Amino acid sequence: MILPIGTTVAVADGKTIRMFHNTGVKPGVHLVEITAASPVRFPTSSSARAHVGVVNFQGRRLVEDDFAAITAAFLNKLCLDGIIEHLVVVSDQRTLGKMRKHFHGDLKGKIIGELPNDFSGRPLEDIASLIADA
C-alpha cells in the first residue's frame, strides 16, 4: 500500500491505541510514532482481577467494546478538528468491527485502508512492513 505523506496510522486493540504519522516519500512507508495520551483509561481494582470465569470474560469484552467506541470517538474528533487527512486503521477483527460502528461519516471518507491484524504489541518496523505489503 502506498501512503500519502502525513497519513495517520492507528493501531488498536481492545485496550490500547498507538498512533503514527507517515513521513515517507512515495512509495515508501516511514512511520513516526506520535506521543499522545490514550483516549481513555479504565480503572482497575483488585476485586475485578480476582474473579475468574465466564462473568470476568464477558466483563472484559464489555470493557474492550467500550474502549473501541471511545477510540472511534477519539479518531472522529481528530478528523473533525482537521488533524487527520488520511487514515489507516490496523486492529484485530473484533475491535475493528466495533470501531466501524462508531466512525463518523467524515472519518469514513478519510480511511484509505483497514488491516484486520492484531499488531498493537508489535515493533514499529513490523507495522510499517504490514502496511507496505498490503
Protein backbone atom coordinates (compact mmCIF):
# COMPACT_ATOMS: atom_id res chain seq x y z
CA MET A 1 0.00 0.00 0.00
CA ILE A 2 1.29 3.44 -0.88
CA LEU A 3 0.57 6.01 1.81
CA PRO A 4 0.33 9.73 1.19
CA ILE A 5 2.72 11.78 3.29
CA GLY A 6 1.05 12.77 6.55
CA THR A 7 -1.24 9.75 6.67
CA THR A 8 -2.24 8.87 10.22
CA VAL A 9 -1.99 5.22 11.20
CA ALA A 10 -3.97 3.99 14.21
CA VAL A 11 -3.02 0.59 15.63
CA ALA A 12 -5.57 -0.51 18.20
CA ASP A 13 -6.85 -3.43 20.17
CA GLY A 14 -9.41 -3.57 22.95
CA LYS A 15 -7.03 -1.97 25.46
CA THR A 16 -4.53 0.29 23.69
CA ILE A 17 -4.10 2.58 20.73
CA ARG A 18 -0.83 3.61 19.12
CA MET A 19 -0.76 6.46 16.62
CA PHE A 20 1.75 7.07 13.83
CA HIS A 21 2.33 9.55 11.00
CA ASN A 22 3.75 8.54 7.65
CA THR A 23 6.68 10.81 6.82
CA GLY A 24 7.96 8.67 3.95
CA VAL A 25 8.14 9.73 0.35
CA LYS A 26 6.03 7.60 -2.01
CA PRO A 27 6.27 4.64 -2.47
CA GLY A 28 7.92 4.15 0.93
CA VAL A 29 6.30 3.85 4.32
CA HIS A 30 8.21 5.57 7.10
CA LEU A 31 6.21 5.74 10.30
CA VAL A 32 6.95 8.01 13.23
CA GLU A 33 5.13 7.30 16.46
CA ILE A 34 3.06 10.16 17.82
CA THR A 35 3.26 10.66 21.53
CA ALA A 36 -0.33 11.17 22.57
CA ALA A 37 -2.46 10.29 25.53
CA SER A 38 -4.71 7.29 25.30
CA PRO A 39 -8.34 8.27 24.63
CA VAL A 40 -9.40 6.79 27.97
CA ARG A 41 -8.10 4.87 30.93
CA PHE A 42 -10.25 2.34 32.68
CA PRO A 43 -9.81 1.93 36.42
CA THR A 44 -8.74 -1.46 37.62
CA SER A 45 -9.44 -2.89 41.02
CA SER A 46 -8.01 -5.88 42.80
CA SER A 47 -11.50 -7.37 43.15
CA ALA A 48 -12.01 -7.23 39.37
CA ARG A 49 -8.81 -9.19 38.89
CA ALA A 50 -9.82 -11.80 41.46
CA HIS A 51 -12.89 -13.05 39.58
CA VAL A 52 -12.36 -15.88 37.15
CA GLY A 53 -14.63 -17.47 34.58
CA VAL A 54 -17.35 -16.51 32.17
CA VAL A 55 -18.51 -13.41 34.06
CA ASN A 56 -14.99 -11.98 34.07
CA PHE A 57 -14.57 -12.83 30.37
CA GLN A 58 -17.83 -11.06 29.49
CA GLY A 59 -16.81 -8.10 31.63
CA ARG A 60 -13.52 -7.86 29.76
CA ARG A 61 -15.39 -7.97 26.46
CA LEU A 62 -17.60 -5.08 27.58
CA VAL A 63 -14.56 -3.05 28.59
CA GLU A 64 -12.93 -3.80 25.21
CA ASP A 65 -16.13 -2.81 23.38
CA ASP A 66 -16.28 0.45 25.34
CA PHE A 67 -12.63 1.11 24.53
CA ALA A 68 -13.30 0.53 20.82
CA ALA A 69 -16.21 3.02 20.91
CA ILE A 70 -14.13 5.61 22.75
CA THR A 71 -11.22 5.07 20.35
CA ALA A 72 -13.56 5.67 17.41
CA ALA A 73 -14.84 8.85 19.08
CA PHE A 74 -11.22 9.96 19.59
CA LEU A 75 -10.44 9.38 15.90
CA ASN A 76 -13.70 11.14 14.91
CA LYS A 77 -12.65 14.20 16.92
CA LEU A 78 -9.20 14.26 15.33
CA CYS A 79 -10.84 14.06 11.91
CA LEU A 80 -13.41 16.78 12.59
CA ASP A 81 -10.66 19.00 14.06
CA GLY A 82 -8.75 18.67 10.77
CA ILE A 83 -5.85 16.69 12.24
CA ILE A 84 -6.50 13.51 10.24
CA GLU A 85 -6.26 13.90 6.49
CA HIS A 86 -5.90 10.21 5.60
CA LEU A 87 -6.20 7.26 7.96
CA VAL A 88 -5.14 3.62 8.04
CA VAL A 89 -6.60 1.51 10.85
CA VAL A 90 -4.81 -1.66 11.99
CA SER A 91 -6.77 -3.65 14.53
CA ASP A 92 -7.92 -7.14 15.39
CA GLN A 93 -11.12 -8.05 13.56
CA ARG A 94 -13.42 -7.82 16.57
CA THR A 95 -12.20 -4.39 17.69
CA LEU A 96 -12.17 -3.09 14.12
CA GLY A 97 -15.78 -4.17 13.70
CA LYS A 98 -16.80 -2.42 16.92
CA MET A 99 -14.95 0.77 15.90
CA ARG A 100 -16.57 0.83 12.44
CA LYS A 101 -20.00 1.12 14.06
CA HIS A 102 -18.93 4.43 15.62
CA PHE A 103 -16.94 6.04 12.79
CA HIS A 104 -18.32 9.41 11.71
CA GLY A 105 -19.14 9.81 8.00
CA ASP A 106 -16.31 12.32 7.54
CA LEU A 107 -13.83 9.90 9.09
CA LYS A 108 -15.06 7.03 6.89
CA GLY A 109 -14.25 9.19 3.87
CA LYS A 110 -10.66 9.62 5.06
CA ILE A 111 -9.96 5.92 5.71
CA ILE A 112 -7.68 4.67 2.95
CA GLY A 113 -7.03 1.28 4.49
CA GLU A 114 -8.20 -1.14 7.16
CA LEU A 115 -5.97 -4.05 8.09
CA PRO A 116 -7.60 -6.66 10.36
CA ASN A 117 -4.44 -7.68 12.21
CA ASP A 118 -3.55 -7.57 15.90
CA PHE A 119 -0.29 -5.62 15.71
CA SER A 120 -0.75 -3.48 18.84
CA GLY A 121 2.24 -5.01 20.61
CA ARG A 122 4.44 -5.35 17.54
CA PRO A 123 7.51 -3.23 16.79
CA LEU A 124 7.25 -0.20 14.51
CA GLU A 125 9.13 -1.99 11.72
CA ASP A 126 6.58 -4.83 11.65
CA ILE A 127 3.69 -2.35 11.41
CA ALA A 128 5.40 -0.49 8.56
CA SER A 129 6.07 -3.76 6.72
CA LEU A 130 2.45 -4.89 7.14
CA ILE A 131 1.22 -1.66 5.58
CA ALA A 132 3.81 -1.62 2.79
CA ASP A 133 2.92 -5.22 1.84
CA ALA A 134 -0.85 -4.62 1.87
